[in-house]
Amino acid sequence: MRTTILALICGTVALAGCGDSDDGQAQATATPPDPPATTERVAATTTTTAPKAKAAAPTGKAITTGKSEFGSMLFDTKKQAIYIFENDEKGKSNCYGECARLWPPVYTKGKPRARGDVKQSLLGTTKRRDGRLQVTYRGQPLYFYVNEAPGEVRCHNVFLNGGLWWVVGPNGKRRA
């Protein structure tokens, strides 16, 4: 038991000292670790590198489909309804200022990801004036409505902020 504890302490000191200057005196008095301690250090190193692999996970916004009274439509993974704005041009948002406060853009930090019946080939991005990336679907910038709870669809075919807002089907076209 005492040998195992001593081996763990030596292994911890050795790991903590990586990158420090050589201290011959400390090395001369340290007891070399037993073989099991070396195995434990290798396991600890393996465990430490595993989270780095997770950091490389996709960072793009996931867009999925869900059912509504208008049929299957786009949602985010938190069940927020997604809309398009009739005044937008293909690949370009015309919703800024007060409009964007009521209709927050669907932002992404990487390539958007398709879930459900969403077609990956229809997903894309457009750069907004502030440099942030907004998700597009079939070239149309996507938005949420700020006054909706998850699962709610209150603003389909509604005229607000100078134009009509529509929910989007998996084919990328507005719902009737």
Protein backbone atom coordinates (compact mmCIF):
# COMPACT_ATOMS: atom_id res chain seq x y z
CA MET A 1 0.00 0.00 0.00
CA ARG A 2 2.79 2.41 1.00
CA THR A 3 4.72 1.58 -2.18
CA THR A 4 1.62 2.29 -4.33
CA ILE A 5 1.03 5.67 -2.64
CA LEU A 6 4.71 6.60 -3.05
CA ALA A 7 4.56 5.57 -6.71
CA LEU A 8 1.44 7.72 -7.29
CA ILE A 9 3.07 10.72 -5.61
CA CYS A 10 6.21 10.32 -7.72
CA GLY A 11 4.12 9.94 -10.86
CA THR A 12 2.14 13.09 -10.01
CA VAL A 13 5.32 15.07 -9.28
CA ALA A 14 6.83 13.87 -12.57
CA LEU A 15 3.73 14.92 -14.54
CA ALA A 16 3.49 18.28 -12.78
CA GLY A 17 7.11 18.98 -13.54
CA CYS A 18 6.86 18.53 -17.33
CA GLY A 19 8.42 21.51 -19.03
CA ASP A 20 10.20 22.78 -15.85
CA SER A 21 13.97 23.26 -15.72
CA ASP A 22 16.12 20.27 -14.86
CA ASP A 23 16.81 19.90 -11.17
CA GLY A 24 19.38 17.12 -10.83
CA GLN A 25 19.04 17.13 -7.05
CA ALA A 26 15.30 16.39 -7.16
CA GLN A 27 15.82 13.63 -9.72
CA ALA A 28 18.54 12.00 -7.63
CA THR A 29 16.28 11.71 -4.57
CA ALA A 30 13.12 10.61 -6.40
CA THR A 31 12.30 6.91 -6.35
CA PRO A 32 11.57 5.50 -9.81
CA PRO A 33 7.89 4.55 -10.15
CA ASP A 34 6.79 0.92 -10.11
CA PRO A 35 5.51 -0.50 -13.43
CA PRO A 36 1.81 -0.12 -12.38
CA ALA A 37 2.38 3.63 -11.85
CA THR A 38 3.70 3.92 -15.42
CA THR A 39 0.51 2.23 -16.66
CA GLU A 40 -1.58 4.65 -14.59
CA ARG A 41 0.29 7.61 -16.09
CA VAL A 42 -0.33 6.32 -19.62
CA ALA A 43 -4.03 5.87 -18.83
CA ALA A 44 -4.21 9.39 -17.41
CA THR A 45 -2.60 10.76 -20.58
CA THR A 46 -5.09 8.85 -22.74
CA THR A 47 -8.00 10.18 -20.67
CA THR A 48 -6.65 13.72 -20.96
CA THR A 49 -6.51 13.60 -24.77
CA ALA A 50 -10.08 12.29 -25.16
CA PRO A 51 -11.78 15.65 -24.44
CA LYS A 52 -9.69 17.29 -27.17
CA ALA A 53 -11.43 15.03 -29.69
CA LYS A 54 -14.80 16.32 -28.46
CA ALA A 55 -13.66 19.92 -28.95
CA ALA A 56 -13.41 19.18 -32.68
CA ALA A 57 -17.13 18.34 -32.84
CA PRO A 58 -19.21 20.24 -35.40
CA THR A 59 -20.10 23.75 -34.29
CA GLY A 60 -22.74 24.49 -36.91
CA LYS A 61 -26.36 25.09 -35.99
CA ALA A 62 -28.54 22.00 -36.37
CA ILE A 63 -31.78 22.52 -38.29
CA THR A 64 -34.48 19.86 -38.10
CA THR A 65 -38.10 19.30 -39.05
CA GLY A 66 -41.22 19.02 -36.95
CA LYS A 67 -44.96 18.85 -37.33
CA SER A 68 -47.21 21.90 -37.19
CA GLU A 69 -50.71 22.88 -38.27
CA PHE A 70 -49.03 23.92 -41.57
CA GLY A 71 -47.44 20.52 -42.10
CA SER A 72 -43.82 19.51 -41.71
CA MET A 73 -41.61 22.59 -41.30
CA LEU A 74 -38.19 23.73 -40.12
CA PHE A 75 -37.32 24.09 -36.45
CA ASP A 76 -34.09 24.27 -34.50
CA THR A 77 -33.25 21.46 -32.08
CA LYS A 78 -34.92 23.42 -29.24
CA LYS A 79 -38.21 23.31 -31.20
CA GLN A 80 -38.17 27.01 -32.12
CA ALA A 81 -40.11 27.62 -35.34
CA ILE A 82 -38.08 28.97 -38.24
CA TYR A 83 -39.32 31.55 -40.74
CA ILE A 84 -38.34 33.26 -43.99
CA PHE A 85 -39.06 36.91 -44.87
CA GLU A 86 -40.59 37.88 -48.23
CA ASN A 87 -38.43 41.03 -48.46
CA ASP A 88 -35.15 39.10 -48.39
CA GLU A 89 -33.23 38.47 -51.57
CA LYS A 90 -31.64 35.09 -52.21
CA GLY A 91 -28.61 34.89 -49.92
CA LYS A 92 -29.10 38.39 -48.47
CA SER A 93 -30.97 39.54 -45.37
CA ASN A 94 -32.99 42.75 -45.41
CA CYS A 95 -33.99 42.42 -41.73
CA TYR A 96 -31.90 44.67 -39.47
CA GLY A 97 -32.51 47.01 -36.53
CA GLU A 98 -36.02 46.71 -35.04
CA CYS A 99 -36.85 43.96 -37.51
CA ALA A 100 -33.92 41.81 -36.29
CA ARG A 101 -34.87 42.44 -32.65
CA LEU A 102 -38.31 40.94 -33.29
CA TRP A 103 -37.06 38.37 -35.80
CA PRO A 104 -33.63 37.20 -34.56
CA PRO A 105 -31.56 35.60 -37.31
CA VAL A 106 -30.72 31.92 -37.02
CA TYR A 107 -26.96 32.22 -36.41
CA THR A 108 -24.29 29.57 -36.79
CA LYS A 109 -20.59 29.37 -35.98
CA GLY A 110 -19.88 26.68 -38.54
CA LYS A 111 -21.45 24.75 -41.38
CA PRO A 112 -25.16 24.22 -40.55
CA ARG A 113 -26.17 20.60 -39.99
CA ALA A 114 -29.29 18.84 -41.30
CA ARG A 115 -31.50 16.73 -39.03
CA GLY A 116 -34.83 15.03 -39.68
CA ASP A 117 -36.07 15.66 -43.23
CA VAL A 118 -33.88 18.74 -43.73
CA LYS A 119 -31.73 18.46 -46.86
CA GLN A 120 -28.06 19.21 -46.20
CA SER A 121 -27.68 20.38 -49.82
CA LEU A 122 -30.20 23.20 -49.20
CA LEU A 123 -28.45 24.52 -46.07
CA GLY A 124 -26.00 27.38 -46.38
CA THR A 125 -24.98 30.68 -44.80
CA THR A 126 -24.92 34.38 -45.55
CA LYS A 127 -22.74 36.96 -43.86
CA ARG A 128 -24.59 39.74 -42.05
CA ARG A 129 -23.33 43.33 -41.77
CA ASP A 130 -21.78 42.56 -38.37
CA GLY A 131 -19.84 39.65 -39.86
CA ARG A 132 -21.86 36.91 -38.16
CA LEU A 133 -23.10 33.96 -40.21
CA GLN A 134 -26.84 33.53 -40.69
CA VAL A 135 -28.21 30.15 -41.75
CA THR A 136 -29.97 29.98 -45.11
CA TYR A 137 -32.18 27.31 -46.59
CA ARG A 138 -32.55 27.17 -50.35
CA GLY A 139 -30.78 30.54 -50.33
CA GLN A 140 -33.31 32.22 -48.01
CA PRO A 141 -32.04 33.66 -44.69
CA LEU A 142 -33.73 32.03 -41.67
CA TYR A 143 -35.23 33.69 -38.57
CA PHE A 144 -37.02 32.98 -35.31
CA TYR A 145 -39.87 35.07 -33.91
CA VAL A 146 -38.92 36.47 -30.50
CA ASN A 147 -42.40 36.12 -28.93
CA GLU A 148 -42.85 32.39 -29.47
CA ALA A 149 -42.25 29.55 -27.06
CA PRO A 150 -40.74 26.26 -28.26
CA GLY A 151 -43.26 24.39 -30.43
CA GLU A 152 -45.37 27.50 -31.08
CA VAL A 153 -46.06 28.72 -34.62
CA ARG A 154 -47.87 32.06 -34.35
CA CYS A 155 -46.58 34.13 -37.24
CA HIS A 156 -47.01 32.18 -40.45
CA ASN A 157 -48.33 34.33 -43.29
CA VAL A 158 -48.30 37.42 -41.07
CA PHE A 159 -47.41 40.94 -42.27
CA LEU A 160 -44.90 42.47 -39.84
CA ASN A 161 -41.88 44.75 -40.24
CA GLY A 162 -42.75 45.64 -43.82
CA GLY A 163 -43.39 42.17 -45.24
CA LEU A 164 -44.87 38.72 -44.93
CA TRP A 165 -43.25 35.98 -42.83
CA TRP A 166 -43.67 32.32 -43.68
CA VAL A 167 -42.72 28.97 -42.20
CA VAL A 168 -40.56 26.76 -44.41
CA GLY A 169 -41.13 23.17 -45.50
CA PRO A 170 -38.36 20.58 -45.88
CA ASN A 171 -38.34 21.31 -49.64
CA GLY A 172 -37.22 24.89 -48.87
CA LYS A 173 -40.46 26.49 -50.02
CA ARG A 174 -42.85 28.53 -47.89
CA ARG A 175 -45.87 26.72 -46.57
CA ALA A 176 -49.30 27.66 -47.86
